[in-house]
N, C-alpha and C. Protein backbone atom coordinates (compact mmCIF):
# COMPACT_ATOMS: atom_id res chain seq x y z
N MET A 1 -18.48 34.21 -9.81
CA MET A 1 -17.29 34.94 -9.43
C MET A 1 -17.45 35.42 -7.99
N VAL A 2 -16.38 35.34 -7.22
CA VAL A 2 -16.40 35.73 -5.81
C VAL A 2 -15.82 37.13 -5.67
N ASP A 3 -16.54 38.01 -4.95
CA ASP A 3 -16.03 39.38 -4.77
C ASP A 3 -14.91 39.38 -3.72
N SER A 4 -14.21 40.49 -3.63
CA SER A 4 -13.05 40.62 -2.75
C SER A 4 -13.40 40.41 -1.28
N LYS A 5 -14.50 40.97 -0.83
CA LYS A 5 -14.91 40.84 0.57
C LYS A 5 -15.18 39.37 0.92
N THR A 6 -15.87 38.66 0.05
CA THR A 6 -16.18 37.24 0.28
C THR A 6 -14.89 36.41 0.27
N ARG A 7 -14.00 36.71 -0.67
CA ARG A 7 -12.74 35.97 -0.77
C ARG A 7 -11.93 36.13 0.51
N TRP A 8 -11.83 37.34 1.05
CA TRP A 8 -11.06 37.56 2.28
C TRP A 8 -11.74 36.89 3.48
N ALA A 9 -13.05 36.83 3.48
CA ALA A 9 -13.76 36.13 4.55
C ALA A 9 -13.44 34.63 4.51
N MET A 10 -13.36 34.09 3.29
CA MET A 10 -13.01 32.66 3.14
C MET A 10 -11.58 32.41 3.61
N ILE A 11 -10.68 33.30 3.27
CA ILE A 11 -9.28 33.15 3.68
C ILE A 11 -9.16 33.21 5.20
N ARG A 12 -9.87 34.16 5.85
CA ARG A 12 -9.83 34.26 7.32
C ARG A 12 -10.35 32.97 7.97
N ARG A 13 -11.45 32.42 7.43
CA ARG A 13 -11.99 31.17 7.97
C ARG A 13 -11.00 30.02 7.81
N GLN A 14 -10.35 29.97 6.67
CA GLN A 14 -9.38 28.90 6.42
C GLN A 14 -8.19 29.02 7.37
N ARG A 15 -7.75 30.24 7.64
CA ARG A 15 -6.63 30.43 8.57
C ARG A 15 -7.02 30.03 9.98
N GLN A 16 -8.27 30.23 10.34
CA GLN A 16 -8.75 29.85 11.68
C GLN A 16 -8.90 28.34 11.80
N ASN A 17 -9.25 27.69 10.71
CA ASN A 17 -9.44 26.24 10.68
C ASN A 17 -8.56 25.63 9.59
N PRO A 18 -7.25 25.67 9.78
CA PRO A 18 -6.39 25.16 8.70
C PRO A 18 -6.58 23.66 8.52
N VAL A 19 -6.49 23.23 7.27
CA VAL A 19 -6.55 21.81 6.96
C VAL A 19 -5.19 21.22 7.29
N SER A 20 -5.19 20.21 8.14
CA SER A 20 -3.90 19.60 8.48
C SER A 20 -3.41 18.79 7.29
N PRO A 21 -2.13 18.94 6.96
CA PRO A 21 -1.60 18.22 5.81
C PRO A 21 -1.60 16.72 6.07
N GLU A 22 -1.76 15.98 4.98
CA GLU A 22 -1.71 14.53 5.08
C GLU A 22 -0.29 14.12 5.46
N PRO A 23 -0.14 13.11 6.33
CA PRO A 23 1.21 12.68 6.68
C PRO A 23 1.99 12.24 5.44
N GLU A 24 3.29 12.39 5.51
CA GLU A 24 4.17 12.02 4.41
C GLU A 24 4.18 10.51 4.22
N VAL A 25 4.35 10.09 2.99
CA VAL A 25 4.50 8.66 2.68
C VAL A 25 5.95 8.29 2.96
N LEU A 26 6.14 7.26 3.76
CA LEU A 26 7.48 6.79 4.12
C LEU A 26 7.66 5.34 3.70
N ILE A 27 8.88 5.00 3.33
CA ILE A 27 9.24 3.61 3.04
C ILE A 27 10.31 3.23 4.04
N ARG A 28 10.08 2.12 4.74
CA ARG A 28 11.02 1.67 5.77
C ARG A 28 11.05 0.15 5.81
N ASN A 29 12.00 -0.37 6.57
CA ASN A 29 12.04 -1.81 6.79
C ASN A 29 10.78 -2.23 7.53
N VAL A 30 10.27 -3.38 7.18
CA VAL A 30 9.06 -3.88 7.82
C VAL A 30 9.36 -4.19 9.29
N ALA A 31 8.37 -4.01 10.11
CA ALA A 31 8.44 -4.37 11.53
C ALA A 31 7.37 -5.42 11.79
N ALA A 32 7.54 -6.18 12.84
CA ALA A 32 6.58 -7.25 13.16
C ALA A 32 5.15 -6.71 13.26
N GLU A 33 4.99 -5.51 13.77
CA GLU A 33 3.63 -4.97 13.92
C GLU A 33 2.97 -4.61 12.58
N ASP A 34 3.73 -4.60 11.48
CA ASP A 34 3.18 -4.34 10.15
C ASP A 34 2.56 -5.59 9.53
N LEU A 35 2.90 -6.75 10.05
CA LEU A 35 2.50 -8.01 9.41
C LEU A 35 0.99 -8.20 9.29
N PRO A 36 0.16 -7.85 10.29
CA PRO A 36 -1.28 -8.01 10.08
C PRO A 36 -1.82 -7.19 8.90
N ALA A 37 -1.33 -5.98 8.71
CA ALA A 37 -1.78 -5.16 7.57
C ALA A 37 -1.29 -5.76 6.26
N ILE A 38 -0.08 -6.27 6.24
CA ILE A 38 0.47 -6.92 5.05
C ILE A 38 -0.38 -8.13 4.69
N LYS A 39 -0.73 -8.91 5.68
CA LYS A 39 -1.60 -10.08 5.48
C LYS A 39 -2.91 -9.65 4.85
N ASP A 40 -3.51 -8.59 5.36
CA ASP A 40 -4.79 -8.12 4.84
C ASP A 40 -4.68 -7.63 3.40
N ILE A 41 -3.61 -6.91 3.08
CA ILE A 41 -3.41 -6.43 1.71
C ILE A 41 -3.31 -7.62 0.76
N TYR A 42 -2.48 -8.58 1.11
CA TYR A 42 -2.27 -9.73 0.22
C TYR A 42 -3.54 -10.58 0.10
N ASN A 43 -4.21 -10.79 1.21
CA ASN A 43 -5.43 -11.61 1.18
C ASN A 43 -6.52 -10.98 0.33
N TYR A 44 -6.55 -9.66 0.25
CA TYR A 44 -7.49 -8.99 -0.65
C TYR A 44 -7.28 -9.48 -2.09
N PHE A 45 -6.01 -9.56 -2.51
CA PHE A 45 -5.71 -9.98 -3.87
C PHE A 45 -6.01 -11.46 -4.08
N ILE A 46 -5.83 -12.28 -3.05
CA ILE A 46 -6.20 -13.69 -3.17
C ILE A 46 -7.70 -13.83 -3.41
N ARG A 47 -8.48 -13.10 -2.64
CA ARG A 47 -9.94 -13.22 -2.72
C ARG A 47 -10.54 -12.61 -3.98
N ASN A 48 -9.90 -11.57 -4.52
CA ASN A 48 -10.55 -10.76 -5.55
C ASN A 48 -9.89 -10.73 -6.92
N THR A 49 -8.71 -11.33 -7.06
CA THR A 49 -8.01 -11.23 -8.35
C THR A 49 -7.38 -12.58 -8.70
N VAL A 50 -6.83 -12.64 -9.90
CA VAL A 50 -6.09 -13.82 -10.33
C VAL A 50 -4.58 -13.55 -10.37
N ILE A 51 -4.14 -12.45 -9.79
CA ILE A 51 -2.72 -12.10 -9.91
C ILE A 51 -1.82 -12.81 -8.92
N THR A 52 -2.39 -13.53 -7.99
CA THR A 52 -1.58 -14.37 -7.10
C THR A 52 -2.02 -15.81 -7.28
N PHE A 53 -1.12 -16.72 -7.10
CA PHE A 53 -1.43 -18.13 -7.30
C PHE A 53 -1.88 -18.81 -6.01
N ASP A 54 -1.92 -18.08 -4.91
CA ASP A 54 -2.50 -18.62 -3.68
C ASP A 54 -4.01 -18.63 -3.86
N ASP A 55 -4.66 -19.69 -3.36
CA ASP A 55 -6.10 -19.76 -3.55
C ASP A 55 -6.89 -19.69 -2.26
N ALA A 56 -6.21 -19.58 -1.14
CA ALA A 56 -6.88 -19.42 0.15
C ALA A 56 -6.13 -18.34 0.93
N PRO A 57 -6.85 -17.52 1.69
CA PRO A 57 -6.18 -16.48 2.46
C PRO A 57 -5.08 -17.05 3.35
N LEU A 58 -4.00 -16.31 3.45
CA LEU A 58 -2.85 -16.74 4.25
C LEU A 58 -2.98 -16.23 5.68
N LYS A 59 -2.50 -17.00 6.59
CA LYS A 59 -2.55 -16.65 8.01
C LYS A 59 -1.33 -15.83 8.38
N LEU A 60 -1.37 -15.22 9.54
CA LEU A 60 -0.28 -14.37 10.02
C LEU A 60 1.02 -15.16 10.16
N ASP A 61 0.94 -16.45 10.50
CA ASP A 61 2.15 -17.28 10.64
C ASP A 61 2.99 -17.27 9.36
N TYR A 62 2.33 -17.30 8.21
CA TYR A 62 3.03 -17.28 6.93
C TYR A 62 3.90 -16.02 6.83
N TRP A 63 3.31 -14.88 7.18
CA TRP A 63 4.03 -13.62 7.08
C TRP A 63 5.12 -13.51 8.14
N GLN A 64 4.90 -14.13 9.28
CA GLN A 64 5.94 -14.16 10.30
C GLN A 64 7.15 -14.94 9.80
N GLU A 65 6.90 -16.05 9.09
CA GLU A 65 8.00 -16.83 8.51
C GLU A 65 8.75 -16.02 7.46
N LYS A 66 8.03 -15.30 6.61
CA LYS A 66 8.67 -14.43 5.61
C LYS A 66 9.54 -13.37 6.29
N TYR A 67 8.99 -12.78 7.34
CA TYR A 67 9.71 -11.76 8.09
C TYR A 67 10.98 -12.36 8.72
N ASP A 68 10.85 -13.51 9.36
CA ASP A 68 12.00 -14.17 9.98
C ASP A 68 13.07 -14.51 8.95
N MET A 69 12.65 -15.01 7.78
CA MET A 69 13.61 -15.36 6.73
C MET A 69 14.32 -14.11 6.23
N SER A 70 13.59 -13.01 6.06
CA SER A 70 14.23 -11.78 5.59
C SER A 70 15.28 -11.30 6.59
N GLN A 71 14.98 -11.46 7.87
CA GLN A 71 15.93 -11.08 8.91
C GLN A 71 17.15 -12.00 8.91
N LYS A 72 16.90 -13.29 8.81
CA LYS A 72 17.98 -14.29 8.84
C LYS A 72 18.96 -14.10 7.68
N PHE A 73 18.43 -13.87 6.47
CA PHE A 73 19.28 -13.75 5.29
C PHE A 73 19.57 -12.30 4.90
N ASP A 74 19.14 -11.35 5.72
CA ASP A 74 19.36 -9.93 5.47
C ASP A 74 18.87 -9.53 4.08
N LEU A 75 17.62 -9.93 3.79
CA LEU A 75 16.99 -9.61 2.51
C LEU A 75 16.02 -8.45 2.70
N PRO A 76 15.90 -7.58 1.72
CA PRO A 76 14.97 -6.45 1.83
C PRO A 76 13.52 -6.90 1.97
N PHE A 77 12.84 -6.33 2.94
CA PHE A 77 11.39 -6.50 3.15
C PHE A 77 10.94 -5.12 3.62
N LEU A 78 10.28 -4.40 2.73
CA LEU A 78 9.94 -3.00 2.98
C LEU A 78 8.44 -2.82 3.10
N VAL A 79 8.08 -1.76 3.79
CA VAL A 79 6.69 -1.38 3.92
C VAL A 79 6.58 0.11 3.60
N MET A 80 5.48 0.47 2.93
CA MET A 80 5.19 1.87 2.64
C MET A 80 4.05 2.29 3.56
N VAL A 81 4.26 3.37 4.29
CA VAL A 81 3.26 3.81 5.26
C VAL A 81 2.96 5.30 5.09
N ARG A 82 1.76 5.67 5.48
CA ARG A 82 1.38 7.07 5.63
C ARG A 82 0.76 7.16 7.01
N GLY A 83 1.45 7.84 7.91
CA GLY A 83 1.00 7.86 9.30
C GLY A 83 1.06 6.44 9.85
N PHE A 84 -0.08 5.93 10.31
CA PHE A 84 -0.13 4.57 10.84
C PHE A 84 -0.71 3.58 9.83
N ASP A 85 -1.01 4.05 8.62
CA ASP A 85 -1.62 3.19 7.61
C ASP A 85 -0.56 2.56 6.72
N VAL A 86 -0.62 1.25 6.57
CA VAL A 86 0.26 0.53 5.65
C VAL A 86 -0.38 0.61 4.27
N LEU A 87 0.34 1.20 3.32
CA LEU A 87 -0.15 1.37 1.96
C LEU A 87 0.28 0.23 1.04
N GLY A 88 1.39 -0.43 1.39
CA GLY A 88 1.89 -1.51 0.55
C GLY A 88 3.16 -2.08 1.11
N PHE A 89 3.63 -3.14 0.45
CA PHE A 89 4.86 -3.79 0.88
C PHE A 89 5.58 -4.37 -0.33
N ALA A 90 6.87 -4.58 -0.16
CA ALA A 90 7.70 -5.20 -1.20
C ALA A 90 8.78 -6.01 -0.51
N LEU A 91 9.07 -7.16 -1.07
CA LEU A 91 10.11 -8.01 -0.49
C LEU A 91 10.75 -8.86 -1.56
N VAL A 92 11.86 -9.44 -1.21
CA VAL A 92 12.49 -10.45 -2.06
C VAL A 92 12.72 -11.69 -1.21
N SER A 93 12.66 -12.82 -1.89
CA SER A 93 12.88 -14.12 -1.26
C SER A 93 13.88 -14.89 -2.11
N PRO A 94 14.60 -15.83 -1.51
CA PRO A 94 15.54 -16.62 -2.33
C PRO A 94 14.81 -17.29 -3.50
N TRP A 95 15.41 -17.25 -4.67
CA TRP A 95 14.82 -17.86 -5.86
C TRP A 95 14.83 -19.38 -5.73
N ARG A 96 15.91 -19.93 -5.31
CA ARG A 96 16.04 -21.37 -5.09
C ARG A 96 16.91 -21.60 -3.85
N GLN A 97 16.85 -22.79 -3.34
CA GLN A 97 17.57 -23.11 -2.10
C GLN A 97 18.99 -23.63 -2.32
N ARG A 98 19.47 -23.63 -3.54
CA ARG A 98 20.83 -24.14 -3.83
C ARG A 98 21.84 -23.00 -3.77
N ALA A 99 23.07 -23.34 -3.41
CA ALA A 99 24.13 -22.34 -3.21
C ALA A 99 24.40 -21.51 -4.47
N GLY A 100 24.27 -22.10 -5.64
CA GLY A 100 24.53 -21.38 -6.88
C GLY A 100 23.58 -20.22 -7.12
N TYR A 101 22.43 -20.25 -6.44
CA TYR A 101 21.43 -19.19 -6.59
C TYR A 101 21.50 -18.17 -5.46
N LEU A 102 22.59 -18.17 -4.73
CA LEU A 102 22.70 -17.37 -3.51
C LEU A 102 22.32 -15.90 -3.69
N LYS A 103 22.67 -15.28 -4.78
CA LYS A 103 22.41 -13.85 -4.99
C LYS A 103 21.32 -13.60 -6.03
N VAL A 104 20.42 -14.58 -6.19
CA VAL A 104 19.28 -14.46 -7.09
C VAL A 104 18.01 -14.55 -6.24
N VAL A 105 17.11 -13.58 -6.44
CA VAL A 105 15.91 -13.52 -5.60
C VAL A 105 14.67 -13.34 -6.47
N GLU A 106 13.52 -13.64 -5.87
CA GLU A 106 12.22 -13.36 -6.51
C GLU A 106 11.57 -12.23 -5.74
N ASN A 107 11.01 -11.27 -6.47
CA ASN A 107 10.40 -10.13 -5.81
C ASN A 107 8.88 -10.25 -5.73
N SER A 108 8.31 -9.56 -4.77
CA SER A 108 6.86 -9.40 -4.62
C SER A 108 6.61 -7.96 -4.23
N ILE A 109 5.60 -7.36 -4.84
CA ILE A 109 5.22 -5.99 -4.49
C ILE A 109 3.71 -5.88 -4.59
N TYR A 110 3.10 -5.37 -3.52
CA TYR A 110 1.65 -5.22 -3.47
C TYR A 110 1.29 -3.90 -2.79
N LEU A 111 0.32 -3.22 -3.35
CA LEU A 111 -0.22 -2.01 -2.74
C LEU A 111 -1.66 -2.28 -2.32
N SER A 112 -2.09 -1.61 -1.27
CA SER A 112 -3.50 -1.70 -0.90
C SER A 112 -4.32 -1.12 -2.06
N ALA A 113 -5.53 -1.61 -2.21
CA ALA A 113 -6.37 -1.16 -3.33
C ALA A 113 -6.48 0.36 -3.42
N PRO A 114 -6.71 1.09 -2.29
CA PRO A 114 -6.83 2.55 -2.41
C PRO A 114 -5.52 3.26 -2.77
N ALA A 115 -4.38 2.59 -2.64
CA ALA A 115 -3.08 3.22 -2.93
C ALA A 115 -2.64 3.04 -4.38
N THR A 116 -3.38 2.25 -5.15
CA THR A 116 -2.97 1.99 -6.53
C THR A 116 -3.27 3.19 -7.43
N GLY A 117 -2.52 3.27 -8.52
CA GLY A 117 -2.75 4.30 -9.52
C GLY A 117 -2.26 5.69 -9.15
N LYS A 118 -1.38 5.78 -8.15
CA LYS A 118 -0.90 7.09 -7.68
C LYS A 118 0.62 7.23 -7.78
N GLY A 119 1.26 6.28 -8.47
CA GLY A 119 2.72 6.33 -8.60
C GLY A 119 3.46 5.79 -7.39
N LEU A 120 2.74 5.29 -6.40
CA LEU A 120 3.39 4.78 -5.18
C LEU A 120 4.14 3.48 -5.44
N GLY A 121 3.65 2.67 -6.36
CA GLY A 121 4.33 1.42 -6.68
C GLY A 121 5.73 1.67 -7.20
N SER A 122 5.89 2.69 -8.03
CA SER A 122 7.23 3.03 -8.55
C SER A 122 8.17 3.45 -7.43
N LYS A 123 7.66 4.23 -6.50
CA LYS A 123 8.50 4.66 -5.37
C LYS A 123 8.94 3.46 -4.52
N LEU A 124 7.99 2.58 -4.26
CA LEU A 124 8.30 1.40 -3.45
C LEU A 124 9.27 0.48 -4.18
N PHE A 125 9.06 0.30 -5.48
CA PHE A 125 9.92 -0.58 -6.26
C PHE A 125 11.34 -0.01 -6.36
N THR A 126 11.45 1.30 -6.51
CA THR A 126 12.77 1.95 -6.55
C THR A 126 13.53 1.65 -5.26
N ALA A 127 12.86 1.80 -4.14
CA ALA A 127 13.51 1.54 -2.84
C ALA A 127 13.91 0.07 -2.72
N LEU A 128 13.04 -0.84 -3.16
CA LEU A 128 13.35 -2.27 -3.07
C LEU A 128 14.58 -2.61 -3.90
N LEU A 129 14.63 -2.13 -5.13
CA LEU A 129 15.76 -2.46 -6.00
C LEU A 129 17.06 -1.84 -5.48
N GLU A 130 16.98 -0.65 -4.91
CA GLU A 130 18.18 -0.04 -4.33
C GLU A 130 18.68 -0.88 -3.15
N ARG A 131 17.78 -1.34 -2.32
CA ARG A 131 18.19 -2.19 -1.18
C ARG A 131 18.78 -3.51 -1.69
N CYS A 132 18.25 -4.02 -2.79
CA CYS A 132 18.81 -5.25 -3.38
C CYS A 132 20.24 -5.02 -3.84
N ARG A 133 20.48 -3.88 -4.50
CA ARG A 133 21.84 -3.55 -4.95
C ARG A 133 22.80 -3.49 -3.77
N VAL A 134 22.39 -2.80 -2.72
CA VAL A 134 23.23 -2.66 -1.52
C VAL A 134 23.51 -4.03 -0.90
N ALA A 135 22.53 -4.92 -0.95
CA ALA A 135 22.69 -6.26 -0.37
C ALA A 135 23.54 -7.18 -1.25
N GLY A 136 23.95 -6.71 -2.43
CA GLY A 136 24.79 -7.52 -3.31
C GLY A 136 24.02 -8.52 -4.15
N ILE A 137 22.74 -8.36 -4.25
CA ILE A 137 21.93 -9.25 -5.08
C ILE A 137 22.26 -8.96 -6.54
N ARG A 138 22.43 -10.01 -7.33
CA ARG A 138 22.83 -9.80 -8.72
C ARG A 138 21.70 -9.95 -9.73
N GLU A 139 20.62 -10.64 -9.34
CA GLU A 139 19.50 -10.77 -10.27
C GLU A 139 18.19 -10.89 -9.50
N VAL A 140 17.16 -10.22 -10.03
CA VAL A 140 15.83 -10.26 -9.44
C VAL A 140 14.89 -10.89 -10.47
N ILE A 141 14.16 -11.90 -10.03
CA ILE A 141 13.21 -12.62 -10.88
C ILE A 141 11.80 -12.20 -10.48
N ALA A 142 10.94 -12.04 -11.47
CA ALA A 142 9.52 -11.75 -11.22
C ALA A 142 8.70 -12.85 -11.89
N VAL A 143 7.75 -13.39 -11.16
CA VAL A 143 6.79 -14.36 -11.69
C VAL A 143 5.44 -13.67 -11.62
N ILE A 144 4.86 -13.37 -12.78
CA ILE A 144 3.66 -12.54 -12.84
C ILE A 144 2.57 -13.27 -13.63
N ALA A 145 1.37 -13.26 -13.08
CA ALA A 145 0.23 -13.90 -13.74
C ALA A 145 0.04 -13.33 -15.14
N ASP A 146 -0.39 -14.19 -16.05
CA ASP A 146 -0.58 -13.73 -17.43
C ASP A 146 -1.97 -13.15 -17.67
N ARG A 147 -2.78 -13.04 -16.61
CA ARG A 147 -4.09 -12.40 -16.71
C ARG A 147 -4.26 -11.45 -15.54
N GLY A 148 -4.76 -10.28 -15.82
CA GLY A 148 -5.11 -9.34 -14.76
C GLY A 148 -3.95 -8.62 -14.11
N ALA A 149 -2.75 -8.81 -14.60
CA ALA A 149 -1.58 -8.20 -13.96
C ALA A 149 -0.84 -7.25 -14.91
N HIS A 150 -1.58 -6.60 -15.77
CA HIS A 150 -0.95 -5.70 -16.75
C HIS A 150 -0.16 -4.59 -16.08
N ALA A 151 -0.68 -4.05 -14.98
CA ALA A 151 0.02 -2.97 -14.28
C ALA A 151 1.34 -3.47 -13.70
N SER A 152 1.35 -4.69 -13.19
CA SER A 152 2.58 -5.26 -12.63
C SER A 152 3.61 -5.49 -13.72
N ILE A 153 3.18 -6.01 -14.84
CA ILE A 153 4.11 -6.22 -15.95
C ILE A 153 4.68 -4.88 -16.41
N ALA A 154 3.83 -3.88 -16.56
CA ALA A 154 4.29 -2.55 -16.99
C ALA A 154 5.28 -1.97 -15.98
N LEU A 155 5.01 -2.13 -14.70
CA LEU A 155 5.92 -1.62 -13.67
C LEU A 155 7.29 -2.29 -13.78
N HIS A 156 7.30 -3.61 -13.92
CA HIS A 156 8.58 -4.33 -14.02
C HIS A 156 9.33 -3.91 -15.29
N GLU A 157 8.63 -3.80 -16.40
CA GLU A 157 9.30 -3.40 -17.64
C GLU A 157 9.84 -1.97 -17.54
N LYS A 158 9.12 -1.10 -16.85
CA LYS A 158 9.58 0.27 -16.63
C LYS A 158 10.94 0.29 -15.94
N PHE A 159 11.18 -0.69 -15.06
CA PHE A 159 12.43 -0.76 -14.32
C PHE A 159 13.49 -1.61 -15.01
N GLY A 160 13.22 -2.03 -16.25
CA GLY A 160 14.23 -2.73 -17.03
C GLY A 160 14.15 -4.24 -16.99
N PHE A 161 13.12 -4.80 -16.38
CA PHE A 161 12.96 -6.25 -16.39
C PHE A 161 12.70 -6.71 -17.82
N VAL A 162 13.26 -7.86 -18.16
CA VAL A 162 13.13 -8.42 -19.49
C VAL A 162 12.38 -9.75 -19.38
N GLN A 163 11.42 -9.94 -20.29
CA GLN A 163 10.66 -11.19 -20.27
C GLN A 163 11.57 -12.35 -20.69
N GLN A 164 11.56 -13.41 -19.88
CA GLN A 164 12.39 -14.57 -20.13
C GLN A 164 11.58 -15.78 -20.59
N GLY A 165 10.27 -15.73 -20.38
CA GLY A 165 9.46 -16.86 -20.82
C GLY A 165 8.03 -16.75 -20.35
N HIS A 166 7.22 -17.63 -20.88
CA HIS A 166 5.80 -17.70 -20.53
C HIS A 166 5.44 -19.16 -20.30
N LEU A 167 4.85 -19.42 -19.16
CA LEU A 167 4.36 -20.76 -18.83
C LEU A 167 2.84 -20.71 -18.89
N ALA A 168 2.27 -21.32 -19.90
CA ALA A 168 0.83 -21.25 -20.11
C ALA A 168 0.10 -22.27 -19.24
N ASN A 169 -1.02 -21.85 -18.68
CA ASN A 169 -1.94 -22.75 -17.98
C ASN A 169 -1.27 -23.60 -16.89
N VAL A 170 -0.46 -22.96 -16.06
CA VAL A 170 0.22 -23.71 -15.00
C VAL A 170 -0.54 -23.72 -13.69
N ALA A 171 -1.63 -22.97 -13.62
CA ALA A 171 -2.41 -22.91 -12.39
C ALA A 171 -3.89 -22.76 -12.73
N ILE A 172 -4.72 -22.96 -11.72
CA ILE A 172 -6.16 -22.75 -11.85
C ILE A 172 -6.56 -21.72 -10.81
N ARG A 173 -7.25 -20.67 -11.24
CA ARG A 173 -7.77 -19.65 -10.33
C ARG A 173 -9.22 -19.40 -10.69
N PHE A 174 -10.09 -19.47 -9.71
CA PHE A 174 -11.52 -19.26 -9.92
C PHE A 174 -12.04 -20.16 -11.04
N GLY A 175 -11.52 -21.39 -11.10
CA GLY A 175 -11.99 -22.37 -12.07
C GLY A 175 -11.48 -22.20 -13.48
N ARG A 176 -10.54 -21.27 -13.69
CA ARG A 176 -10.02 -21.02 -15.03
C ARG A 176 -8.50 -21.20 -15.05
N PRO A 177 -7.95 -21.72 -16.14
CA PRO A 177 -6.50 -21.85 -16.22
C PRO A 177 -5.84 -20.47 -16.32
N ILE A 178 -4.66 -20.40 -15.73
CA ILE A 178 -3.89 -19.15 -15.77
C ILE A 178 -2.41 -19.51 -15.88
N GLY A 179 -1.68 -18.68 -16.55
CA GLY A 179 -0.25 -18.91 -16.73
C GLY A 179 0.56 -17.84 -16.03
N SER A 180 1.86 -17.87 -16.28
CA SER A 180 2.72 -16.86 -15.67
C SER A 180 3.84 -16.47 -16.63
N TYR A 181 4.22 -15.22 -16.52
CA TYR A 181 5.38 -14.71 -17.23
C TYR A 181 6.55 -14.70 -16.27
N LEU A 182 7.72 -15.02 -16.80
CA LEU A 182 8.95 -14.90 -16.03
C LEU A 182 9.72 -13.71 -16.59
N LEU A 183 10.09 -12.80 -15.71
CA LEU A 183 10.89 -11.64 -16.08
C LEU A 183 12.11 -11.59 -15.18
N SER A 184 13.17 -10.97 -15.64
CA SER A 184 14.34 -10.84 -14.79
C SER A 184 15.04 -9.51 -15.03
N LEU A 185 15.80 -9.12 -14.01
CA LEU A 185 16.59 -7.89 -14.05
C LEU A 185 17.94 -8.18 -13.44
N LYS A 186 18.99 -7.96 -14.23
CA LYS A 186 20.36 -8.07 -13.71
C LYS A 186 20.70 -6.75 -13.06
N LEU A 187 21.18 -6.81 -11.84
CA LEU A 187 21.55 -5.60 -11.12
C LEU A 187 23.04 -5.33 -11.23
N PRO A 188 23.39 -4.09 -11.48
CA PRO A 188 24.83 -3.76 -11.50
C PRO A 188 25.37 -3.80 -10.06
N LYS A 189 26.66 -4.06 -9.98
CA LYS A 189 27.30 -4.06 -8.65
C LYS A 189 27.34 -2.63 -8.12
N SER A 190 27.15 -2.49 -6.81
CA SER A 190 27.20 -1.16 -6.21
C SER A 190 28.63 -0.71 -6.04
């Protein structure tokens, strides 16, 4: 137990050396300067997990193309930041290249390893889906690995995604077969 004199001494020291608050977490449209951090976040998952079907780290050019496409088609591509640190990103891409699929997209959402498990994915996903509604998107498709992606499946189901099917053993990761679940969410008109 701390006596009154010691407690007041601690308070005076704390007032003299205040702890600066951590910068606020912000979600904004991605900028070109965010792309190297996005590349690093995604490449971590390629190297260390089976939740992505890419088997070799992606170069910055790939992310530049994604960025350019999002700009061209006015599709949401968001980044979550705290100060100058990129904590995660979320984007949608056209589901198919045919005109009938014009308002149907596939989503991707990734957080840096230290940002997981803190509820940040829900905040980022909420922002992404709201931007999709504003953009007039009518359906969002998720393709999620059937191994190691339990958190991603839970996140999508939390937001109302419904499982539409399972494709077993459609890919090989780290020498083992892996499948994917297809989930979808119909968005109401804004």
